[in-house]
Amino acid sequence: MVTVTLKLNEEKLKNMGRTVDEMLEPIRESMKSYDVEEVEQGVFRKTGRDGLVVLDCTLDYMDDHPEYMDYLDDWLLDIDGEVEDCKAELISYNKEHGRS
């Protein structure tokens, strides 16, 4: 089972006049065609061989909208209990490749 958890900073969003649901909607839309289940707000889960699609959809969106990272408190990937901090990894990757 593969799970991606996105925790957005509600205070920052409130100051911007946005809500968590508004920010999650584009990611929800991109995952619909892959039958990804949102088990709770911002927690997306997929089982089976194509489970990593939950990470692919999120990465694609973050790549197209890098400002999204400013509002994320946590972005975690859990594959069968092995948890990775995607936010920290992407920040590190971007720095290493001159993208920050």
C-alpha atoms as a PDB file:
ATOM      1  CA  MET A   1       0.000   0.000   0.000  1.00  0.00           C
ATOM      2  CA  VAL A   2       1.273   3.454  -0.913  1.00  0.00           C
ATOM      3  CA  THR A   3       0.087   6.576   0.876  1.00  0.00           C
ATOM      4  CA  VAL A   4       0.926  10.234   0.325  1.00  0.00           C
ATOM      5  CA  THR A   5       0.029  12.681   3.088  1.00  0.00           C
ATOM      6  CA  LEU A   6      -0.136  16.413   2.406  1.00  0.00           C
ATOM      7  CA  LYS A   7      -0.509  18.669   5.437  1.00  0.00           C
ATOM      8  CA  LEU A   8      -1.012  22.281   4.489  1.00  0.00           C
ATOM      9  CA  ASN A   9      -0.408  25.263   6.745  1.00  0.00           C
ATOM     10  CA  GLU A  10      -3.923  26.531   7.422  1.00  0.00           C
ATOM     11  CA  GLU A  11      -2.732  29.845   8.885  1.00  0.00           C
ATOM     12  CA  LYS A  12      -0.730  30.730   5.758  1.00  0.00           C
ATOM     13  CA  LEU A  13      -3.656  29.728   3.569  1.00  0.00           C
ATOM     14  CA  LYS A  14      -6.088  31.770   5.663  1.00  0.00           C
ATOM     15  CA  ASN A  15      -3.843  34.825   5.289  1.00  0.00           C
ATOM     16  CA  MET A  16      -3.909  34.239   1.545  1.00  0.00           C
ATOM     17  CA  GLY A  17      -7.700  33.837   1.513  1.00  0.00           C
ATOM     18  CA  ARG A  18      -7.536  30.148   0.537  1.00  0.00           C
ATOM     19  CA  THR A  19      -8.612  26.899   2.155  1.00  0.00           C
ATOM     20  CA  VAL A  20      -7.012  23.492   2.439  1.00  0.00           C
ATOM     21  CA  ASP A  21      -9.739  22.014   0.232  1.00  0.00           C
ATOM     22  CA  GLU A  22      -9.093  24.595  -2.488  1.00  0.00           C
ATOM     23  CA  MET A  23      -5.400  23.749  -2.460  1.00  0.00           C
ATOM     24  CA  LEU A  24      -6.020  19.991  -2.517  1.00  0.00           C
ATOM     25  CA  GLU A  25      -8.603  20.093  -5.311  1.00  0.00           C
ATOM     26  CA  PRO A  26      -6.148  20.096  -8.267  1.00  0.00           C
ATOM     27  CA  ILE A  27      -4.308  17.115  -6.788  1.00  0.00           C
ATOM     28  CA  ARG A  28      -7.597  15.313  -6.172  1.00  0.00           C
ATOM     29  CA  GLU A  29      -8.571  15.916  -9.780  1.00  0.00           C
ATOM     30  CA  SER A  30      -5.283  14.547 -11.121  1.00  0.00           C
ATOM     31  CA  MET A  31      -5.694  11.380  -9.047  1.00  0.00           C
ATOM     32  CA  LYS A  32      -9.306  10.649 -10.023  1.00  0.00           C
ATOM     33  CA  SER A  33      -8.391   8.928 -13.273  1.00  0.00           C
ATOM     34  CA  TYR A  34      -6.092   6.551 -11.334  1.00  0.00           C
ATOM     35  CA  ASP A  35      -8.736   5.459  -8.797  1.00  0.00           C
ATOM     36  CA  VAL A  36      -6.765   6.872  -5.884  1.00  0.00           C
ATOM     37  CA  GLU A  37      -8.683   6.954  -2.625  1.00  0.00           C
ATOM     38  CA  GLU A  38      -8.546  10.000  -0.349  1.00  0.00           C
ATOM     39  CA  VAL A  39      -8.958   8.295   3.019  1.00  0.00           C
ATOM     40  CA  GLU A  40      -8.985  11.580   4.940  1.00  0.00           C
ATOM     41  CA  GLN A  41      -8.280  15.170   4.018  1.00  0.00           C
ATOM     42  CA  GLY A  42      -4.929  15.251   2.235  1.00  0.00           C
ATOM     43  CA  VAL A  43      -4.208  11.534   2.660  1.00  0.00           C
ATOM     44  CA  PHE A  44      -4.183   9.688  -0.662  1.00  0.00           C
ATOM     45  CA  ARG A  45      -3.879   5.898  -0.866  1.00  0.00           C
ATOM     46  CA  LYS A  46      -3.452   3.369  -3.646  1.00  0.00           C
ATOM     47  CA  THR A  47      -2.774  -0.347  -3.529  1.00  0.00           C
ATOM     48  CA  GLY A  48      -1.379  -2.645  -6.154  1.00  0.00           C
ATOM     49  CA  ARG A  49       1.350  -2.465  -8.740  1.00  0.00           C
ATOM     50  CA  ASP A  50       0.534   1.093  -9.749  1.00  0.00           C
ATOM     51  CA  GLY A  51       0.469   2.399  -6.159  1.00  0.00           C
ATOM     52  CA  LEU A  52       3.262   4.887  -6.792  1.00  0.00           C
ATOM     53  CA  VAL A  53       0.899   6.895  -8.961  1.00  0.00           C
ATOM     54  CA  VAL A  54       0.031   8.793  -5.756  1.00  0.00           C
ATOM     55  CA  LEU A  55       3.600  10.088  -5.700  1.00  0.00           C
ATOM     56  CA  ASP A  56       3.726  10.710  -9.458  1.00  0.00           C
ATOM     57  CA  CYS A  57       0.604  12.876  -9.432  1.00  0.00           C
ATOM     58  CA  THR A  58       1.876  14.887  -6.492  1.00  0.00           C
ATOM     59  CA  LEU A  59       5.356  15.343  -7.977  1.00  0.00           C
ATOM     60  CA  ASP A  60       3.917  16.456 -11.320  1.00  0.00           C
ATOM     61  CA  TYR A  61       1.789  19.072  -9.593  1.00  0.00           C
ATOM     62  CA  MET A  62       4.661  20.321  -7.418  1.00  0.00           C
ATOM     63  CA  ASP A  63       6.904  20.581 -10.476  1.00  0.00           C
ATOM     64  CA  ASP A  64       4.324  22.732 -12.274  1.00  0.00           C
ATOM     65  CA  HIS A  65       3.464  24.762  -9.133  1.00  0.00           C
ATOM     66  CA  PRO A  66       6.620  25.119  -6.998  1.00  0.00           C
ATOM     67  CA  GLU A  67       4.935  27.806  -4.882  1.00  0.00           C
ATOM     68  CA  TYR A  68       2.742  25.022  -3.445  1.00  0.00           C
ATOM     69  CA  MET A  69       5.714  23.955  -1.312  1.00  0.00           C
ATOM     70  CA  ASP A  70       5.478  27.249   0.607  1.00  0.00           C
ATOM     71  CA  TYR A  71       2.141  26.137   2.072  1.00  0.00           C
ATOM     72  CA  LEU A  72       3.072  22.548   2.900  1.00  0.00           C
ATOM     73  CA  ASP A  73       3.970  21.686   6.459  1.00  0.00           C
ATOM     74  CA  ASP A  74       4.387  17.990   5.628  1.00  0.00           C
ATOM     75  CA  TRP A  75       4.520  15.868   2.501  1.00  0.00           C
ATOM     76  CA  LEU A  76       5.085  12.255   3.431  1.00  0.00           C
ATOM     77  CA  LEU A  77       5.299   9.081   1.381  1.00  0.00           C
ATOM     78  CA  ASP A  78       4.508   5.802   3.138  1.00  0.00           C
ATOM     79  CA  ILE A  79       5.176   2.543   1.326  1.00  0.00           C
ATOM     80  CA  ASP A  80       4.113  -0.392   3.473  1.00  0.00           C
ATOM     81  CA  GLY A  81       5.212   1.385   6.652  1.00  0.00           C
ATOM     82  CA  GLU A  82       8.458   2.863   5.289  1.00  0.00           C
ATOM     83  CA  VAL A  83       8.030   6.653   5.530  1.00  0.00           C
ATOM     84  CA  GLU A  84       9.962   9.257   3.536  1.00  0.00           C
ATOM     85  CA  ASP A  85       9.815  13.041   3.892  1.00  0.00           C
ATOM     86  CA  CYS A  86       9.139  14.096   0.291  1.00  0.00           C
ATOM     87  CA  LYS A  87       9.217  17.806   1.086  1.00  0.00           C
ATOM     88  CA  ALA A  88      12.730  17.624   2.540  1.00  0.00           C
ATOM     89  CA  GLU A  89      13.885  15.359  -0.297  1.00  0.00           C
ATOM     90  CA  LEU A  90      12.530  17.657  -3.013  1.00  0.00           C
ATOM     91  CA  ILE A  91      14.062  20.739  -1.371  1.00  0.00           C
ATOM     92  CA  SER A  92      17.407  18.933  -1.213  1.00  0.00           C
ATOM     93  CA  TYR A  93      17.118  17.728  -4.812  1.00  0.00           C
ATOM     94  CA  ASN A  94      16.243  21.197  -6.071  1.00  0.00           C
ATOM     95  CA  LYS A  95      19.228  22.734  -4.247  1.00  0.00           C
ATOM     96  CA  GLU A  96      21.583  20.102  -5.650  1.00  0.00           C
ATOM     97  CA  HIS A  97      20.322  20.778  -9.172  1.00  0.00           C
ATOM     98  CA  GLY A  98      20.148  24.571  -8.967  1.00  0.00           C
ATOM     99  CA  ARG A  99      16.366  24.704  -8.990  1.00  0.00           C
ATOM    100  CA  SER A 100      15.732  26.491  -5.699  1.00  0.00           C
END
